[in-house]
C-alpha atoms as a PDB file:
ATOM      1  CA  MET A   1     -30.665  -2.976 -23.424  1.00  0.00           C
ATOM      2  CA  LYS A   2     -28.003  -0.425 -23.686  1.00  0.00           C
ATOM      3  CA  PHE A   3     -25.761   0.127 -26.585  1.00  0.00           C
ATOM      4  CA  ALA A   4     -22.407   1.823 -27.041  1.00  0.00           C
ATOM      5  CA  GLY A   5     -20.552   1.245 -30.092  1.00  0.00           C
ATOM      6  CA  VAL A   6     -19.261   2.618 -33.349  1.00  0.00           C
ATOM      7  CA  ILE A   7     -21.154   4.114 -36.266  1.00  0.00           C
ATOM      8  CA  GLY A   8     -19.594   4.376 -39.792  1.00  0.00           C
ATOM      9  CA  PHE A   9     -20.491   7.089 -41.839  1.00  0.00           C
ATOM     10  CA  LYS A  10     -19.269   7.005 -45.852  1.00  0.00           C
ATOM     11  CA  VAL A  11     -18.504  10.708 -46.875  1.00  0.00           C
ATOM     12  CA  LEU A  12     -17.023  12.096 -49.887  1.00  0.00           C
ATOM     13  CA  ASN A  13     -13.991  14.369 -49.512  1.00  0.00           C
ATOM     14  CA  GLU A  14     -12.450  16.353 -52.319  1.00  0.00           C
ATOM     15  CA  ILE A  15      -8.979  15.431 -52.617  1.00  0.00           C
ATOM     16  CA  ARG A  16      -8.297  17.635 -55.507  1.00  0.00           C
ATOM     17  CA  PRO A  17     -10.467  19.990 -57.673  1.00  0.00           C
ATOM     18  CA  SER A  18     -13.274  17.847 -58.978  1.00  0.00           C
ATOM     19  CA  VAL A  19     -11.924  14.503 -57.469  1.00  0.00           C
ATOM     20  CA  TRP A  20     -13.815  13.117 -54.921  1.00  0.00           C
ATOM     21  CA  GLN A  21     -13.150   9.916 -52.903  1.00  0.00           C
ATOM     22  CA  PRO A  22     -14.944   8.306 -50.290  1.00  0.00           C
ATOM     23  CA  THR A  23     -13.964   7.996 -46.876  1.00  0.00           C
ATOM     24  CA  ILE A  24     -15.247   6.160 -43.837  1.00  0.00           C
ATOM     25  CA  ILE A  25     -15.431   8.297 -40.695  1.00  0.00           C
ATOM     26  CA  GLU A  26     -15.978   6.433 -37.227  1.00  0.00           C
ATOM     27  CA  ARG A  27     -17.989   7.673 -34.498  1.00  0.00           C
ATOM     28  CA  MET A  28     -19.109   6.616 -30.994  1.00  0.00           C
ATOM     29  CA  TYR A  29     -22.527   6.734 -29.723  1.00  0.00           C
ATOM     30  CA  ARG A  30     -24.786   5.351 -27.001  1.00  0.00           C
ATOM     31  CA  GLY A  31     -28.120   4.409 -26.888  1.00  0.00           C
ATOM     32  CA  ASP A  32     -30.947   1.589 -26.437  1.00  0.00           C
ATOM     33  CA  VAL A  33     -31.110  -1.694 -28.293  1.00  0.00           C
ATOM     34  CA  ASN A  34     -35.099  -1.669 -28.874  1.00  0.00           C
ATOM     35  CA  ARG A  35     -35.461  -4.580 -30.861  1.00  0.00           C
ATOM     36  CA  VAL A  36     -33.274  -7.940 -31.231  1.00  0.00           C
ATOM     37  CA  SER A  37     -34.259 -10.759 -33.564  1.00  0.00           C
ATOM     38  CA  ARG A  38     -32.155 -13.164 -35.878  1.00  0.00           C
ATOM     39  CA  ARG A  39     -33.024 -15.393 -38.752  1.00  0.00           C
ATOM     40  CA  ASN A  40     -31.264 -17.766 -40.643  1.00  0.00           C
ATOM     41  CA  ARG A  41     -31.685 -17.728 -44.491  1.00  0.00           C
ATOM     42  CA  SER A  42     -31.159 -20.938 -46.428  1.00  0.00           C
ATOM     43  CA  SER A  43     -29.110 -20.717 -49.717  1.00  0.00           C
ATOM     44  CA  ASP A  44     -26.990 -23.081 -51.952  1.00  0.00           C
ATOM     45  CA  LYS A  45     -23.569 -22.354 -49.692  1.00  0.00           C
ATOM     46  CA  VAL A  46     -22.295 -24.311 -47.182  1.00  0.00           C
ATOM     47  CA  ASN A  47     -23.066 -22.263 -44.239  1.00  0.00           C
ATOM     48  CA  ASP A  48     -26.690 -20.409 -44.291  1.00  0.00           C
ATOM     49  CA  ASP A  49     -26.474 -16.858 -44.208  1.00  0.00           C
ATOM     50  CA  MET A  50     -27.693 -15.021 -40.749  1.00  0.00           C
ATOM     51  CA  THR A  51     -29.766 -11.806 -40.670  1.00  0.00           C
ATOM     52  CA  ILE A  52     -30.533  -9.918 -37.920  1.00  0.00           C
ATOM     53  CA  SER A  53     -33.651  -7.278 -37.736  1.00  0.00           C
ATOM     54  CA  ASN A  54     -32.656  -5.244 -34.637  1.00  0.00           C
ATOM     55  CA  GLU A  55     -33.556  -1.550 -33.668  1.00  0.00           C
ATOM     56  CA  ILE A  56     -30.799   0.620 -32.492  1.00  0.00           C
ATOM     57  CA  GLU A  57     -31.846   4.001 -30.922  1.00  0.00           C
ATOM     58  CA  ILE A  58     -28.586   6.233 -30.517  1.00  0.00           C
ATOM     59  CA  LEU A  59     -29.050   9.791 -28.870  1.00  0.00           C
ATOM     60  CA  ALA A  60     -27.637  11.781 -31.658  1.00  0.00           C
ATOM     61  CA  ASP A  61     -25.163  14.936 -32.176  1.00  0.00           C
ATOM     62  CA  ALA A  62     -25.258  17.602 -34.579  1.00  0.00           C
ATOM     63  CA  TYR A  63     -22.929  15.393 -36.755  1.00  0.00           C
ATOM     64  CA  ALA A  64     -25.233  12.496 -36.808  1.00  0.00           C
ATOM     65  CA  PHE A  65     -28.131  14.795 -37.675  1.00  0.00           C
ATOM     66  CA  GLN A  66     -26.352  16.492 -40.600  1.00  0.00           C
ATOM     67  CA  ASN A  67     -25.157  12.802 -42.029  1.00  0.00           C
ATOM     68  CA  PHE A  68     -27.628  10.369 -41.224  1.00  0.00           C
ATOM     69  CA  GLN A  69     -28.218   9.585 -44.949  1.00  0.00           C
ATOM     70  CA  ASN A  70     -24.157   8.538 -44.997  1.00  0.00           C
ATOM     71  CA  ILE A  71     -24.416   6.218 -41.966  1.00  0.00           C
ATOM     72  CA  GLN A  72     -23.235   2.733 -43.424  1.00  0.00           C
ATOM     73  CA  TYR A  73     -23.149   0.367 -40.657  1.00  0.00           C
ATOM     74  CA  VAL A  74     -23.155  -0.134 -36.897  1.00  0.00           C
ATOM     75  CA  ALA A  75     -20.325  -2.009 -34.625  1.00  0.00           C
ATOM     76  CA  TRP A  76     -22.421  -4.248 -32.158  1.00  0.00           C
ATOM     77  CA  LEU A  77     -21.709  -7.753 -30.497  1.00  0.00           C
ATOM     78  CA  GLY A  78     -18.302  -8.195 -32.360  1.00  0.00           C
ATOM     79  CA  ALA A  79     -19.307  -7.404 -35.885  1.00  0.00           C
ATOM     80  CA  LYS A  80     -20.259  -4.223 -38.467  1.00  0.00           C
ATOM     81  CA  TRP A  81     -24.101  -4.266 -39.259  1.00  0.00           C
ATOM     82  CA  LYS A  82     -25.744  -2.694 -42.347  1.00  0.00           C
ATOM     83  CA  VAL A  83     -27.801  -0.170 -41.477  1.00  0.00           C
ATOM     84  CA  GLY A  84     -31.189  -0.602 -43.892  1.00  0.00           C
ATOM     85  CA  SER A  85     -32.839   2.577 -42.689  1.00  0.00           C
ATOM     86  CA  VAL A  86     -32.902   5.598 -40.305  1.00  0.00           C
ATOM     87  CA  SER A  87     -35.709   7.379 -38.702  1.00  0.00           C
ATOM     88  CA  VAL A  88     -34.914  10.726 -37.416  1.00  0.00           C
ATOM     89  CA  GLU A  89     -36.507  11.536 -34.333  1.00  0.00           C
ATOM     90  CA  PRO A  90     -34.970  14.226 -32.312  1.00  0.00           C
ATOM     91  CA  PRO A  91     -33.003  14.196 -30.417  1.00  0.00           C
ATOM     92  CA  ARG A  92     -32.729  10.783 -31.387  1.00  0.00           C
ATOM     93  CA  LEU A  93     -31.949   8.513 -34.650  1.00  0.00           C
ATOM     94  CA  ILE A  94     -33.377   5.025 -34.990  1.00  0.00           C
ATOM     95  CA  LEU A  95     -31.472   2.833 -36.965  1.00  0.00           C
ATOM     96  CA  GLU A  96     -32.480  -0.782 -38.329  1.00  0.00           C
ATOM     97  CA  ILE A  97     -29.911  -2.886 -38.561  1.00  0.00           C
ATOM     98  CA  GLY A  98     -29.929  -5.841 -41.027  1.00  0.00           C
ATOM     99  CA  GLY A  99     -26.903  -8.426 -42.768  1.00  0.00           C
ATOM    100  CA  VAL A 100     -23.490  -8.242 -41.907  1.00  0.00           C
ATOM    101  CA  TYR A 101     -21.562  -5.529 -43.503  1.00  0.00           C
ATOM    102  CA  ASN A 102     -18.774  -6.221 -45.760  1.00  0.00           C
ATOM    103  CA  GLY A 103     -17.791  -2.990 -47.361  1.00  0.00           C
ATOM    104  CA  GLU A 104     -15.107  -0.629 -46.856  1.00  0.00           C
ATOM    105  CA  THR A 105     -14.527   0.338 -43.068  1.00  0.00           C
ATOM    106  CA  GLY A 106     -12.752   2.998 -41.238  1.00  0.00           C
ATOM    107  CA  PRO A 107      -9.095   3.086 -40.029  1.00  0.00           C
ATOM    108  CA  GLN A 108      -8.362   0.277 -37.511  1.00  0.00           C
ATOM    109  CA  ALA A 109      -6.831   1.493 -34.478  1.00  0.00           C
END
């Protein structure tokens, strides 16, 4: 299965001397979805938590290789998913994604 979507990177920007602010940078990437699996986790909530354990392999550019440690989420199938781990295998990055990402996102178009 093919993948085309946004990946969110959290980077620190110096807004004035010695004052740093985290910012989300979204960039578009293409690649392949290598593994698709889903699991519902029972909880004390009204609705169970859904967790996915998917692997997305992207063709990375220089920015992705220099900032792979800052990858926060992948936008896929209408939601933003947390990136649990990243494997570097040039010229590709392999992203393992899990639960729904609820953190800060990039600017909305």
